């Protein structure tokens, strides 16, 4: 592997980081202004990204059932569910887990991922343990 390849790879990674950072800032700005159309696009971008990076075959559940409960994306074969959100609060996370369980989605999906689109700097808070623990995997 030549130095040229490593240099180009480094530049590409920095460009991807900048673009994702700019996109997160645009999402934050739009959602704070009450515009949520950008979130629909974000679901599709995240779907493609997660499929490429992790080898999932995620489908957007909101395309067939607008505002599907608790989750936005799912891979039925790998039993993975994903919530895409721009809200970075523990209340949002706990509400998502509650809806996931109350709609018995834990019977269909072993893993629930919550993909937060904006700055995820939280003040440290105690979060009650999840039931069942299988949805709380890291």
C-alpha atoms as a PDB file:
ATOM      1  CA  UNK A   1       0.000   0.000   0.000  1.00  0.00           C
ATOM      2  CA  UNK A   2       1.659   3.206  -1.160  1.00  0.00           C
ATOM      3  CA  UNK A   3       1.848   6.539   0.609  1.00  0.00           C
ATOM      4  CA  UNK A   4      -0.391   8.051  -2.085  1.00  0.00           C
ATOM      5  CA  UNK A   5      -3.208   5.605  -1.250  1.00  0.00           C
ATOM      6  CA  UNK A   6      -2.938   6.309   2.506  1.00  0.00           C
ATOM      7  CA  UNK A   7      -2.912  10.073   1.873  1.00  0.00           C
ATOM      8  CA  UNK A   8      -6.009   9.865  -0.379  1.00  0.00           C
ATOM      9  CA  UNK A   9      -7.790   7.648   2.161  1.00  0.00           C
ATOM     10  CA  UNK A  10      -7.050  10.123   4.950  1.00  0.00           C
ATOM     11  CA  UNK A  11      -8.384  13.009   2.849  1.00  0.00           C
ATOM     12  CA  UNK A  12     -11.512  11.023   1.993  1.00  0.00           C
ATOM     13  CA  UNK A  13     -12.185  10.193   5.656  1.00  0.00           C
ATOM     14  CA  UNK A  14     -11.792  13.862   6.639  1.00  0.00           C
ATOM     15  CA  UNK A  15     -14.155  14.908   3.828  1.00  0.00           C
ATOM     16  CA  UNK A  16     -16.771  12.363   4.954  1.00  0.00           C
ATOM     17  CA  UNK A  17     -16.461  13.587   8.557  1.00  0.00           C
ATOM     18  CA  UNK A  18     -16.907  17.225   7.448  1.00  0.00           C
ATOM     19  CA  UNK A  19     -19.926  16.381   5.296  1.00  0.00           C
ATOM     20  CA  UNK A  20     -21.608  14.362   8.049  1.00  0.00           C
ATOM     21  CA  UNK A  21     -20.927  17.147  10.541  1.00  0.00           C
ATOM     22  CA  UNK A  22     -22.425  19.734   8.163  1.00  0.00           C
ATOM     23  CA  UNK A  23     -25.452  17.495   7.580  1.00  0.00           C
ATOM     24  CA  UNK A  24     -25.984  17.058  11.337  1.00  0.00           C
ATOM     25  CA  UNK A  25     -25.864  20.844  11.756  1.00  0.00           C
ATOM     26  CA  UNK A  26     -28.457  21.271   8.982  1.00  0.00           C
ATOM     27  CA  UNK A  27     -30.723  18.691  10.625  1.00  0.00           C
ATOM     28  CA  UNK A  28     -30.444  20.455  13.982  1.00  0.00           C
ATOM     29  CA  UNK A  29     -31.179  23.854  12.426  1.00  0.00           C
ATOM     30  CA  UNK A  30     -34.173  22.615  10.435  1.00  0.00           C
ATOM     31  CA  UNK A  31     -35.739  20.666  13.292  1.00  0.00           C
ATOM     32  CA  UNK A  32     -35.282  23.592  15.692  1.00  0.00           C
ATOM     33  CA  UNK A  33     -37.140  25.715  13.119  1.00  0.00           C
ATOM     34  CA  UNK A  34     -40.005  23.205  13.041  1.00  0.00           C
ATOM     35  CA  UNK A  35     -39.117  21.764   9.621  1.00  0.00           C
ATOM     36  CA  UNK A  36     -38.936  17.986   9.691  1.00  0.00           C
ATOM     37  CA  UNK A  37     -38.742  17.115   5.979  1.00  0.00           C
ATOM     38  CA  UNK A  38     -34.984  16.685   6.308  1.00  0.00           C
ATOM     39  CA  UNK A  39     -35.597  13.760   8.684  1.00  0.00           C
ATOM     40  CA  UNK A  40     -37.324  11.761   5.938  1.00  0.00           C
ATOM     41  CA  UNK A  41     -34.209  12.109   3.784  1.00  0.00           C
ATOM     42  CA  UNK A  42     -32.022  11.311   6.786  1.00  0.00           C
ATOM     43  CA  UNK A  43     -33.799   7.973   7.271  1.00  0.00           C
ATOM     44  CA  UNK A  44     -32.880   6.959   3.732  1.00  0.00           C
ATOM     45  CA  UNK A  45     -29.289   8.196   4.059  1.00  0.00           C
ATOM     46  CA  UNK A  46     -28.862   6.299   7.335  1.00  0.00           C
ATOM     47  CA  UNK A  47     -30.473   3.196   5.843  1.00  0.00           C
ATOM     48  CA  UNK A  48     -27.956   3.160   3.017  1.00  0.00           C
ATOM     49  CA  UNK A  49     -25.030   3.933   5.309  1.00  0.00           C
ATOM     50  CA  UNK A  50     -25.917   1.222   7.850  1.00  0.00           C
ATOM     51  CA  UNK A  51     -26.520  -1.305   5.067  1.00  0.00           C
ATOM     52  CA  UNK A  52     -23.068  -0.624   3.610  1.00  0.00           C
ATOM     53  CA  UNK A  53     -21.132  -0.431   6.876  1.00  0.00           C
ATOM     54  CA  UNK A  54     -22.769  -3.335   8.735  1.00  0.00           C
ATOM     55  CA  UNK A  55     -24.069  -5.471   5.869  1.00  0.00           C
ATOM     56  CA  UNK A  56     -27.706  -5.056   6.889  1.00  0.00           C
ATOM     57  CA  UNK A  57     -30.648  -5.195   4.512  1.00  0.00           C
ATOM     58  CA  UNK A  58     -32.654  -2.506   6.278  1.00  0.00           C
ATOM     59  CA  UNK A  59     -36.017  -1.460   4.888  1.00  0.00           C
ATOM     60  CA  UNK A  60     -37.692   1.862   5.657  1.00  0.00           C
ATOM     61  CA  UNK A  61     -40.871   0.873   7.513  1.00  0.00           C
ATOM     62  CA  UNK A  62     -42.320   4.375   7.198  1.00  0.00           C
ATOM     63  CA  UNK A  63     -42.645   3.956   3.435  1.00  0.00           C
ATOM     64  CA  UNK A  64     -45.311   1.267   3.802  1.00  0.00           C
ATOM     65  CA  UNK A  65     -46.820   2.452   7.095  1.00  0.00           C
ATOM     66  CA  UNK A  66     -46.377   6.179   7.724  1.00  0.00           C
ATOM     67  CA  UNK A  67     -45.076   6.802  11.254  1.00  0.00           C
ATOM     68  CA  UNK A  68     -44.456   3.151  12.107  1.00  0.00           C
ATOM     69  CA  UNK A  69     -44.375   2.762  15.918  1.00  0.00           C
ATOM     70  CA  UNK A  70     -40.998   2.973  17.709  1.00  0.00           C
ATOM     71  CA  UNK A  71     -38.740   2.124  14.754  1.00  0.00           C
ATOM     72  CA  UNK A  72     -37.974   3.484  11.299  1.00  0.00           C
ATOM     73  CA  UNK A  73     -35.790   0.804   9.737  1.00  0.00           C
ATOM     74  CA  UNK A  74     -35.652  -2.976  10.064  1.00  0.00           C
ATOM     75  CA  UNK A  75     -33.751  -5.976   8.774  1.00  0.00           C
ATOM     76  CA  UNK A  76     -36.040  -8.975   9.270  1.00  0.00           C
ATOM     77  CA  UNK A  77     -33.320 -11.525   8.428  1.00  0.00           C
ATOM     78  CA  UNK A  78     -30.812 -10.193  10.963  1.00  0.00           C
ATOM     79  CA  UNK A  79     -33.607  -9.208  13.399  1.00  0.00           C
ATOM     80  CA  UNK A  80     -32.328  -5.640  13.774  1.00  0.00           C
ATOM     81  CA  UNK A  81     -34.559  -2.595  14.293  1.00  0.00           C
ATOM     82  CA  UNK A  82     -33.396   1.022  14.078  1.00  0.00           C
ATOM     83  CA  UNK A  83     -34.905   4.273  15.326  1.00  0.00           C
ATOM     84  CA  UNK A  84     -33.556   7.375  13.542  1.00  0.00           C
ATOM     85  CA  UNK A  85     -33.981  10.527  15.618  1.00  0.00           C
ATOM     86  CA  UNK A  86     -32.786  14.090  15.962  1.00  0.00           C
ATOM     87  CA  UNK A  87     -33.857  14.198  19.618  1.00  0.00           C
ATOM     88  CA  UNK A  88     -30.978  13.421  21.956  1.00  0.00           C
ATOM     89  CA  UNK A  89     -32.763  13.134  25.287  1.00  0.00           C
ATOM     90  CA  UNK A  90     -33.032  10.206  27.658  1.00  0.00           C
ATOM     91  CA  UNK A  91     -36.839  10.705  27.575  1.00  0.00           C
ATOM     92  CA  UNK A  92     -36.846  10.062  23.813  1.00  0.00           C
ATOM     93  CA  UNK A  93     -34.736   6.930  24.240  1.00  0.00           C
ATOM     94  CA  UNK A  94     -36.920   5.591  27.059  1.00  0.00           C
ATOM     95  CA  UNK A  95     -40.088   6.392  25.049  1.00  0.00           C
ATOM     96  CA  UNK A  96     -38.690   4.503  22.052  1.00  0.00           C
ATOM     97  CA  UNK A  97     -37.882   1.475  24.233  1.00  0.00           C
ATOM     98  CA  UNK A  98     -41.346   1.614  25.820  1.00  0.00           C
ATOM     99  CA  UNK A  99     -43.068   1.727  22.397  1.00  0.00           C
ATOM    100  CA  UNK A 100     -40.802  -1.045  21.106  1.00  0.00           C
ATOM    101  CA  UNK A 101     -41.924  -3.281  23.977  1.00  0.00           C
ATOM    102  CA  UNK A 102     -45.580  -2.226  24.055  1.00  0.00           C
ATOM    103  CA  UNK A 103     -45.931  -3.081  20.348  1.00  0.00           C
ATOM    104  CA  UNK A 104     -44.171  -6.433  21.012  1.00  0.00           C
ATOM    105  CA  UNK A 105     -41.479  -5.614  18.475  1.00  0.00           C
ATOM    106  CA  UNK A 106     -38.989  -7.387  20.746  1.00  0.00           C
ATOM    107  CA  UNK A 107     -40.562 -10.658  19.575  1.00  0.00           C
ATOM    108  CA  UNK A 108     -39.607  -9.869  15.971  1.00  0.00           C
ATOM    109  CA  UNK A 109     -36.287  -8.047  16.518  1.00  0.00           C
ATOM    110  CA  UNK A 110     -33.469  -9.041  18.864  1.00  0.00           C
ATOM    111  CA  UNK A 111     -31.592  -5.746  18.579  1.00  0.00           C
ATOM    112  CA  UNK A 112     -32.828  -2.162  18.805  1.00  0.00           C
ATOM    113  CA  UNK A 113     -30.407   0.521  17.637  1.00  0.00           C
ATOM    114  CA  UNK A 114     -31.089   4.197  18.240  1.00  0.00           C
ATOM    115  CA  UNK A 115     -29.263   6.368  15.718  1.00  0.00           C
ATOM    116  CA  UNK A 116     -29.086   9.968  16.954  1.00  0.00           C
ATOM    117  CA  UNK A 117     -28.486  12.409  14.111  1.00  0.00           C
ATOM    118  CA  UNK A 118     -27.280  15.404  16.094  1.00  0.00           C
ATOM    119  CA  UNK A 119     -24.793  16.137  18.854  1.00  0.00           C
ATOM    120  CA  UNK A 120     -25.043  13.340  21.380  1.00  0.00           C
ATOM    121  CA  UNK A 121     -23.393  15.127  24.275  1.00  0.00           C
ATOM    122  CA  UNK A 122     -25.566  14.235  27.253  1.00  0.00           C
ATOM    123  CA  UNK A 123     -25.356  15.238  30.837  1.00  0.00           C
ATOM    124  CA  UNK A 124     -24.815  11.950  32.595  1.00  0.00           C
ATOM    125  CA  UNK A 125     -28.111  10.628  33.942  1.00  0.00           C
ATOM    126  CA  UNK A 126     -29.165   7.404  35.532  1.00  0.00           C
ATOM    127  CA  UNK A 127     -31.312   5.399  33.148  1.00  0.00           C
ATOM    128  CA  UNK A 128     -33.383   2.542  34.571  1.00  0.00           C
ATOM    129  CA  UNK A 129     -32.451  -0.950  33.357  1.00  0.00           C
ATOM    130  CA  UNK A 130     -34.213  -2.195  30.225  1.00  0.00           C
ATOM    131  CA  UNK A 131     -36.554  -5.139  30.197  1.00  0.00           C
ATOM    132  CA  UNK A 132     -35.847  -7.459  28.440  1.00  0.00           C
ATOM    133  CA  UNK A 133     -32.063  -6.949  28.542  1.00  0.00           C
ATOM    134  CA  UNK A 134     -31.601  -8.243  24.980  1.00  0.00           C
ATOM    135  CA  UNK A 135     -32.732  -4.890  23.549  1.00  0.00           C
ATOM    136  CA  UNK A 136     -30.139  -3.045  25.587  1.00  0.00           C
ATOM    137  CA  UNK A 137     -27.063  -4.615  24.018  1.00  0.00           C
ATOM    138  CA  UNK A 138     -24.200  -2.333  23.211  1.00  0.00           C
END
